Amino acid sequence: MQGLNINSNFVNFINFPKEYVDMLKQAAILTLKSEKVRKYQINFIMISDKEIKSLNTKYRKTKRITDVISFLVIPEKLVGDIYISDNRTKKQAKRYNNTWQEELGYLAIHGILHLCGYIDYDLENKIKMFSKQDKIFKCLFSHG
C-alpha cells in the first residue's frame, strides 16, 4: 500500500494509460458512492498475464489468468489493492465489443464491488453482482 494516511481517501492507478485515469477514477468513485462507502484507499495496479496468474496461484490456489483480482487489506476503511491484467483485458474488450477504456472501467467497478464483499463464485451471487456492475457501467458509458 502506498503511504497510508488513514484520514484521506484516494484511488490510485499504477501502470494505466494516463488518458484513461480520469474516467477510471470516475468509475471508482461512482461505485463507492453507490455502495455508500465513505472511507477508502484503493490502488489499481495493471500487471501482465503472467503476474496475475502468479497472484492467482499464490493466493487463490488456481493456476489461471483472470482479468482482475482484489485484495481487501483493511476492511473497516475499505483499503485494498486491485490488480488488472493488461493483455487479458484487451482480448476481452474485443470479445465484448468494448473499447479497452470501457473494459478497464468495467473491471474497476468489478474490483471495487469485490472489495465491498460481492462475490461471483455461484450463479445467484454472480447475477446480483453483475446486475449492480452493469447498472453502474451504464451510468458511465451509454451505448445508444
Protein backbone atom coordinates (compact mmCIF):
# COMPACT_ATOMS: atom_id res chain seq x y z
CA MET A 1 0.00 0.00 0.00
CA GLN A 2 1.11 3.48 -0.76
CA GLY A 3 1.76 5.88 2.15
CA LEU A 4 -1.11 5.04 4.46
CA ASN A 5 -2.78 8.18 5.79
CA ILE A 6 -5.90 6.88 7.49
CA ASN A 7 -7.75 10.21 7.13
CA SER A 8 -7.53 10.75 3.39
CA ASN A 9 -9.47 8.99 0.65
CA PHE A 10 -7.72 8.15 -2.59
CA VAL A 11 -7.90 6.00 -5.67
CA ASN A 12 -4.54 5.39 -7.40
CA PHE A 13 -3.89 3.96 -10.84
CA ILE A 14 -0.45 2.45 -11.42
CA ASN A 15 0.75 1.44 -14.92
CA PHE A 16 -2.52 2.53 -16.59
CA PRO A 17 -2.62 4.74 -19.71
CA LYS A 18 -2.66 8.33 -18.40
CA GLU A 19 -5.52 9.32 -20.71
CA TYR A 20 -7.77 6.70 -19.05
CA VAL A 21 -7.14 7.63 -15.42
CA ASP A 22 -9.81 10.36 -15.07
CA MET A 23 -12.54 8.06 -16.40
CA LEU A 24 -11.32 5.18 -14.23
CA LYS A 25 -11.38 7.40 -11.13
CA GLN A 26 -14.92 8.42 -12.09
CA ALA A 27 -15.92 4.74 -12.34
CA ALA A 28 -14.33 4.00 -8.96
CA ILE A 29 -15.94 6.97 -7.17
CA LEU A 30 -19.36 6.22 -8.67
CA THR A 31 -19.10 2.61 -7.46
CA LEU A 32 -18.02 3.68 -3.98
CA LYS A 33 -20.91 6.17 -3.78
CA SER A 34 -23.39 3.53 -4.93
CA GLU A 35 -22.19 1.34 -2.05
CA LYS A 36 -22.26 4.28 0.40
CA VAL A 37 -18.55 3.87 1.16
CA ARG A 38 -17.21 6.97 2.89
CA LYS A 39 -13.64 5.93 3.72
CA TYR A 40 -11.46 4.26 1.13
CA GLN A 41 -7.91 3.91 -0.11
CA ILE A 42 -7.58 1.84 -3.24
CA ASN A 43 -4.67 1.11 -5.54
CA PHE A 44 -5.34 -0.24 -9.01
CA ILE A 45 -2.25 -1.88 -10.48
CA MET A 46 -2.04 -3.03 -14.08
CA ILE A 47 0.11 -6.13 -14.44
CA SER A 48 0.91 -8.79 -17.03
CA ASP A 49 -0.99 -12.03 -17.57
CA LYS A 50 1.99 -13.88 -16.11
CA GLU A 51 1.92 -11.75 -12.95
CA ILE A 52 -1.83 -12.14 -12.42
CA LYS A 53 -1.54 -15.90 -12.93
CA SER A 54 1.17 -15.92 -10.26
CA LEU A 55 -1.09 -13.99 -7.82
CA ASN A 56 -3.96 -16.41 -8.51
CA THR A 57 -1.67 -19.38 -7.93
CA LYS A 58 -0.28 -17.97 -4.69
CA TYR A 59 -3.45 -16.54 -3.12
CA ARG A 60 -6.37 -18.36 -4.74
CA LYS A 61 -4.69 -21.72 -5.36
CA THR A 62 -5.77 -21.66 -9.00
CA LYS A 63 -3.26 -21.66 -11.86
CA ARG A 64 -5.06 -19.46 -14.33
CA ILE A 65 -5.11 -15.98 -15.76
CA THR A 66 -8.03 -13.81 -14.66
CA ASP A 67 -8.86 -10.27 -15.69
CA VAL A 68 -8.95 -8.85 -12.15
CA ILE A 69 -8.06 -9.88 -8.60
CA SER A 70 -8.90 -7.84 -5.50
CA PHE A 71 -7.25 -7.86 -2.08
CA LEU A 72 -9.01 -6.20 0.86
CA VAL A 73 -6.27 -5.10 3.29
CA ILE A 74 -8.25 -3.15 5.93
CA PRO A 75 -12.00 -3.91 5.75
CA GLU A 76 -13.15 -1.15 8.15
CA LYS A 77 -11.80 1.58 5.88
CA LEU A 78 -12.04 -0.26 2.54
CA VAL A 79 -8.30 -0.26 1.99
CA GLY A 80 -7.23 -2.57 -0.78
CA ASP A 81 -5.33 -3.35 -3.95
CA ILE A 82 -6.94 -4.35 -7.23
CA TYR A 83 -4.77 -5.95 -9.90
CA ILE A 84 -5.94 -5.86 -13.51
CA SER A 85 -4.36 -7.87 -16.33
CA ASP A 86 -3.34 -5.77 -19.33
CA ASN A 87 -3.38 -8.37 -22.11
CA ARG A 88 -6.45 -10.28 -20.89
CA THR A 89 -8.46 -7.06 -20.76
CA LYS A 90 -7.50 -6.13 -24.34
CA LYS A 91 -8.74 -9.53 -25.56
CA GLN A 92 -11.95 -9.24 -23.54
CA ALA A 93 -12.64 -5.75 -24.86
CA LYS A 94 -12.72 -7.15 -28.40
CA ARG A 95 -14.84 -10.13 -27.35
CA TYR A 96 -17.43 -7.94 -25.59
CA ASN A 97 -17.35 -5.20 -28.23
CA ASN A 98 -15.98 -2.60 -25.80
CA THR A 99 -13.12 -0.19 -26.16
CA TRP A 100 -10.15 -1.04 -23.94
CA GLN A 101 -11.01 2.01 -21.81
CA GLU A 102 -14.57 0.73 -21.32
CA GLU A 103 -13.31 -2.73 -20.40
CA LEU A 104 -10.94 -1.26 -17.82
CA GLY A 105 -13.79 0.85 -16.42
CA TYR A 106 -15.98 -2.24 -16.16
CA LEU A 107 -13.26 -4.12 -14.29
CA ALA A 108 -12.56 -1.18 -11.99
CA ILE A 109 -16.24 -1.36 -10.97
CA HIS A 110 -15.98 -5.15 -10.62
CA GLY A 111 -12.86 -4.97 -8.47
CA ILE A 112 -14.38 -2.44 -6.07
CA LEU A 113 -17.55 -4.50 -5.73
CA HIS A 114 -15.34 -7.42 -4.70
CA LEU A 115 -13.71 -5.20 -2.05
CA CYS A 116 -17.23 -4.32 -0.86
CA GLY A 117 -17.98 -8.00 -0.30
CA TYR A 118 -19.70 -9.04 -3.52
CA ILE A 119 -18.79 -12.47 -4.86
CA ASP A 120 -19.32 -14.10 -8.23
CA TYR A 121 -18.48 -17.73 -7.45
CA ASP A 122 -22.03 -19.06 -7.73
CA LEU A 123 -24.91 -18.19 -10.05
CA GLU A 124 -27.12 -16.38 -7.53
CA ASN A 125 -24.34 -14.08 -6.30
CA LYS A 126 -22.95 -13.62 -9.80
CA ILE A 127 -26.35 -12.38 -11.05
CA LYS A 128 -26.60 -9.95 -8.12
CA MET A 129 -23.05 -8.63 -8.62
CA PHE A 130 -23.22 -8.30 -12.40
CA SER A 131 -26.62 -6.57 -12.23
CA LYS A 132 -25.15 -3.89 -9.95
CA GLN A 133 -21.97 -3.71 -12.05
CA ASP A 134 -23.90 -3.29 -15.31
CA LYS A 135 -26.09 -0.55 -13.82
CA ILE A 136 -23.03 1.48 -12.70
CA PHE A 137 -21.30 0.88 -16.04
CA LYS A 138 -24.32 2.18 -17.98
CA CYS A 139 -24.17 5.42 -15.96
CA LEU A 140 -20.66 5.98 -17.33
CA PHE A 141 -20.92 4.58 -20.84
CA SER A 142 -24.16 4.84 -22.73
CA HIS A 143 -24.19 2.83 -25.96
CA GLY A 144 -27.09 4.14 -27.59
